[in-house]
Amino acid sequence: MTLIFILLLLLIFYFFMIRPQQKKQKQIEEYRSKLSKGDKIITIGGLHGKITDVQEKVFVIEIADGVKITIEKAAVAIDENEAKNAQK
Protein backbone atom coordinates (compact mmCIF):
# COMPACT_ATOMS: atom_id res chain seq x y z
CA MET A 1 0.00 0.00 0.00
CA THR A 2 2.83 2.41 0.84
CA LEU A 3 4.55 1.67 -2.46
CA ILE A 4 1.37 2.47 -4.39
CA PHE A 5 1.01 5.74 -2.51
CA ILE A 6 4.61 6.74 -3.30
CA LEU A 7 4.18 5.88 -6.99
CA LEU A 8 0.94 7.82 -7.14
CA LEU A 9 2.63 10.81 -5.51
CA LEU A 10 5.49 10.69 -8.01
CA LEU A 11 3.05 10.46 -10.91
CA ILE A 12 1.10 13.48 -9.67
CA PHE A 13 4.34 15.40 -9.15
CA TYR A 14 5.40 14.61 -12.72
CA PHE A 15 2.15 15.73 -14.34
CA PHE A 16 1.71 18.92 -12.29
CA MET A 17 5.32 20.10 -11.92
CA ILE A 18 7.81 18.59 -14.35
CA ARG A 19 5.77 18.18 -17.54
CA PRO A 20 4.38 21.76 -17.65
CA GLN A 21 7.88 23.15 -17.06
CA GLN A 22 9.25 21.08 -19.94
CA LYS A 23 6.49 22.36 -22.24
CA LYS A 24 7.18 25.96 -21.26
CA GLN A 25 10.92 25.55 -21.84
CA LYS A 26 10.26 24.03 -25.26
CA GLN A 27 8.04 27.01 -26.19
CA ILE A 28 10.74 29.47 -25.12
CA GLU A 29 13.42 27.67 -27.14
CA GLU A 30 11.14 27.54 -30.18
CA TYR A 31 10.39 31.27 -29.86
CA ARG A 32 14.09 32.15 -29.66
CA SER A 33 14.92 29.98 -32.67
CA LYS A 34 12.30 31.78 -34.78
CA LEU A 35 13.70 35.26 -34.11
CA SER A 36 15.28 36.86 -37.15
CA LYS A 37 16.96 40.04 -38.31
CA GLY A 38 14.74 43.09 -37.80
CA ASP A 39 12.71 41.69 -34.89
CA LYS A 40 12.39 43.92 -31.84
CA ILE A 41 13.22 42.21 -28.56
CA ILE A 42 13.57 42.79 -24.84
CA THR A 43 16.41 41.11 -22.98
CA ILE A 44 16.17 39.55 -19.54
CA GLY A 45 18.09 42.58 -18.24
CA GLY A 46 15.49 44.96 -19.68
CA LEU A 47 17.34 46.25 -22.74
CA HIS A 48 15.14 46.99 -25.73
CA GLY A 49 16.65 46.58 -29.15
CA LYS A 50 16.36 45.41 -32.71
CA ILE A 51 18.18 42.33 -34.00
CA THR A 52 20.75 43.25 -36.65
CA ASP A 53 22.56 39.91 -36.96
CA VAL A 54 21.74 36.32 -36.03
CA GLN A 55 24.53 33.86 -35.32
CA GLU A 56 24.48 30.31 -33.99
CA LYS A 57 24.41 31.14 -30.26
CA VAL A 58 24.26 34.95 -30.17
CA PHE A 59 22.34 37.94 -31.49
CA VAL A 60 23.79 41.31 -32.34
CA ILE A 61 21.23 43.93 -31.37
CA GLU A 62 21.11 47.67 -31.91
CA ILE A 63 20.00 49.44 -28.73
CA ALA A 64 20.48 53.01 -30.05
CA ASP A 65 21.55 54.61 -33.33
CA GLY A 66 24.94 53.07 -34.10
CA VAL A 67 25.20 51.27 -30.74
CA LYS A 68 25.33 47.50 -31.20
CA ILE A 69 25.87 44.82 -28.58
CA THR A 70 26.20 41.05 -28.71
CA ILE A 71 23.99 38.98 -26.44
CA GLU A 72 23.42 35.27 -25.90
CA LYS A 73 20.18 33.91 -27.35
CA ALA A 74 19.25 32.77 -23.84
CA ALA A 75 19.19 36.42 -22.75
CA VAL A 76 16.12 37.21 -24.88
CA ALA A 77 13.07 37.49 -22.66
CA ILE A 78 10.12 38.51 -24.81
CA ASP A 79 9.18 40.16 -28.08
CA GLU A 80 8.00 43.79 -27.76
CA ASN A 81 4.77 42.94 -29.60
CA GLU A 82 4.13 40.08 -27.18
CA ALA A 83 4.74 42.40 -24.24
CA LYS A 84 2.14 44.85 -25.56
CA ASN A 85 -0.37 42.05 -26.13
CA ALA A 86 0.23 40.72 -22.62
CA GLN A 87 -0.50 44.14 -21.11
CA LYS A 88 -3.88 44.40 -22.88
C-alpha atoms as a PDB file:
ATOM      1  CA  MET A   1       0.000   0.000   0.000  1.00  0.00           C
ATOM      2  CA  THR A   2       2.834   2.406   0.844  1.00  0.00           C
ATOM      3  CA  LEU A   3       4.553   1.672  -2.465  1.00  0.00           C
ATOM      4  CA  ILE A   4       1.369   2.466  -4.386  1.00  0.00           C
ATOM      5  CA  PHE A   5       1.005   5.742  -2.505  1.00  0.00           C
ATOM      6  CA  ILE A   6       4.611   6.736  -3.299  1.00  0.00           C
ATOM      7  CA  LEU A   7       4.177   5.876  -6.988  1.00  0.00           C
ATOM      8  CA  LEU A   8       0.939   7.824  -7.142  1.00  0.00           C
ATOM      9  CA  LEU A   9       2.626  10.808  -5.512  1.00  0.00           C
ATOM     10  CA  LEU A  10       5.493  10.686  -8.011  1.00  0.00           C
ATOM     11  CA  LEU A  11       3.046  10.456 -10.910  1.00  0.00           C
ATOM     12  CA  ILE A  12       1.100  13.476  -9.674  1.00  0.00           C
ATOM     13  CA  PHE A  13       4.344  15.397  -9.148  1.00  0.00           C
ATOM     14  CA  TYR A  14       5.400  14.612 -12.724  1.00  0.00           C
ATOM     15  CA  PHE A  15       2.146  15.732 -14.343  1.00  0.00           C
ATOM     16  CA  PHE A  16       1.711  18.916 -12.291  1.00  0.00           C
ATOM     17  CA  MET A  17       5.324  20.095 -11.923  1.00  0.00           C
ATOM     18  CA  ILE A  18       7.807  18.591 -14.352  1.00  0.00           C
ATOM     19  CA  ARG A  19       5.766  18.184 -17.544  1.00  0.00           C
ATOM     20  CA  PRO A  20       4.383  21.758 -17.651  1.00  0.00           C
ATOM     21  CA  GLN A  21       7.877  23.154 -17.062  1.00  0.00           C
ATOM     22  CA  GLN A  22       9.246  21.083 -19.939  1.00  0.00           C
ATOM     23  CA  LYS A  23       6.489  22.358 -22.243  1.00  0.00           C
ATOM     24  CA  LYS A  24       7.181  25.962 -21.261  1.00  0.00           C
ATOM     25  CA  GLN A  25      10.925  25.545 -21.838  1.00  0.00           C
ATOM     26  CA  LYS A  26      10.260  24.030 -25.260  1.00  0.00           C
ATOM     27  CA  GLN A  27       8.045  27.012 -26.191  1.00  0.00           C
ATOM     28  CA  ILE A  28      10.743  29.469 -25.118  1.00  0.00           C
ATOM     29  CA  GLU A  29      13.420  27.667 -27.142  1.00  0.00           C
ATOM     30  CA  GLU A  30      11.135  27.539 -30.176  1.00  0.00           C
ATOM     31  CA  TYR A  31      10.388  31.266 -29.859  1.00  0.00           C
ATOM     32  CA  ARG A  32      14.090  32.147 -29.656  1.00  0.00           C
ATOM     33  CA  SER A  33      14.921  29.983 -32.670  1.00  0.00           C
ATOM     34  CA  LYS A  34      12.296  31.782 -34.781  1.00  0.00           C
ATOM     35  CA  LEU A  35      13.699  35.257 -34.113  1.00  0.00           C
ATOM     36  CA  SER A  36      15.278  36.863 -37.150  1.00  0.00           C
ATOM     37  CA  LYS A  37      16.963  40.041 -38.315  1.00  0.00           C
ATOM     38  CA  GLY A  38      14.742  43.089 -37.801  1.00  0.00           C
ATOM     39  CA  ASP A  39      12.714  41.686 -34.888  1.00  0.00           C
ATOM     40  CA  LYS A  40      12.389  43.917 -31.843  1.00  0.00           C
ATOM     41  CA  ILE A  41      13.223  42.214 -28.558  1.00  0.00           C
ATOM     42  CA  ILE A  42      13.572  42.788 -24.842  1.00  0.00           C
ATOM     43  CA  THR A  43      16.409  41.106 -22.976  1.00  0.00           C
ATOM     44  CA  ILE A  44      16.170  39.551 -19.543  1.00  0.00           C
ATOM     45  CA  GLY A  45      18.091  42.579 -18.239  1.00  0.00           C
ATOM     46  CA  GLY A  46      15.488  44.962 -19.682  1.00  0.00           C
ATOM     47  CA  LEU A  47      17.345  46.254 -22.740  1.00  0.00           C
ATOM     48  CA  HIS A  48      15.143  46.995 -25.734  1.00  0.00           C
ATOM     49  CA  GLY A  49      16.652  46.581 -29.152  1.00  0.00           C
ATOM     50  CA  LYS A  50      16.364  45.409 -32.715  1.00  0.00           C
ATOM     51  CA  ILE A  51      18.180  42.334 -33.999  1.00  0.00           C
ATOM     52  CA  THR A  52      20.752  43.245 -36.652  1.00  0.00           C
ATOM     53  CA  ASP A  53      22.562  39.915 -36.962  1.00  0.00           C
ATOM     54  CA  VAL A  54      21.741  36.318 -36.029  1.00  0.00           C
ATOM     55  CA  GLN A  55      24.531  33.857 -35.324  1.00  0.00           C
ATOM     56  CA  GLU A  56      24.484  30.307 -33.985  1.00  0.00           C
ATOM     57  CA  LYS A  57      24.413  31.140 -30.260  1.00  0.00           C
ATOM     58  CA  VAL A  58      24.257  34.951 -30.166  1.00  0.00           C
ATOM     59  CA  PHE A  59      22.343  37.936 -31.491  1.00  0.00           C
ATOM     60  CA  VAL A  60      23.786  41.315 -32.341  1.00  0.00           C
ATOM     61  CA  ILE A  61      21.226  43.933 -31.369  1.00  0.00           C
ATOM     62  CA  GLU A  62      21.108  47.667 -31.906  1.00  0.00           C
ATOM     63  CA  ILE A  63      19.998  49.441 -28.733  1.00  0.00           C
ATOM     64  CA  ALA A  64      20.482  53.006 -30.046  1.00  0.00           C
ATOM     65  CA  ASP A  65      21.554  54.605 -33.334  1.00  0.00           C
ATOM     66  CA  GLY A  66      24.935  53.071 -34.098  1.00  0.00           C
ATOM     67  CA  VAL A  67      25.200  51.268 -30.735  1.00  0.00           C
ATOM     68  CA  LYS A  68      25.327  47.502 -31.200  1.00  0.00           C
ATOM     69  CA  ILE A  69      25.872  44.823 -28.584  1.00  0.00           C
ATOM     70  CA  THR A  70      26.203  41.054 -28.714  1.00  0.00           C
ATOM     71  CA  ILE A  71      23.991  38.977 -26.441  1.00  0.00           C
ATOM     72  CA  GLU A  72      23.419  35.272 -25.902  1.00  0.00           C
ATOM     73  CA  LYS A  73      20.180  33.906 -27.349  1.00  0.00           C
ATOM     74  CA  ALA A  74      19.254  32.765 -23.841  1.00  0.00           C
ATOM     75  CA  ALA A  75      19.186  36.424 -22.750  1.00  0.00           C
ATOM     76  CA  VAL A  76      16.116  37.207 -24.881  1.00  0.00           C
ATOM     77  CA  ALA A  77      13.069  37.488 -22.665  1.00  0.00           C
ATOM     78  CA  ILE A  78      10.115  38.513 -24.806  1.00  0.00           C
ATOM     79  CA  ASP A  79       9.183  40.164 -28.080  1.00  0.00           C
ATOM     80  CA  GLU A  80       8.001  43.788 -27.764  1.00  0.00           C
ATOM     81  CA  ASN A  81       4.769  42.940 -29.598  1.00  0.00           C
ATOM     82  CA  GLU A  82       4.132  40.081 -27.179  1.00  0.00           C
ATOM     83  CA  ALA A  83       4.743  42.402 -24.243  1.00  0.00           C
ATOM     84  CA  LYS A  84       2.141  44.851 -25.564  1.00  0.00           C
ATOM     85  CA  ASN A  85      -0.368  42.048 -26.127  1.00  0.00           C
ATOM     86  CA  ALA A  86       0.231  40.717 -22.617  1.00  0.00           C
ATOM     87  CA  GLN A  87      -0.500  44.136 -21.107  1.00  0.00           C
ATOM     88  CA  LYS A  88      -3.879  44.404 -22.884  1.00  0.00           C
END
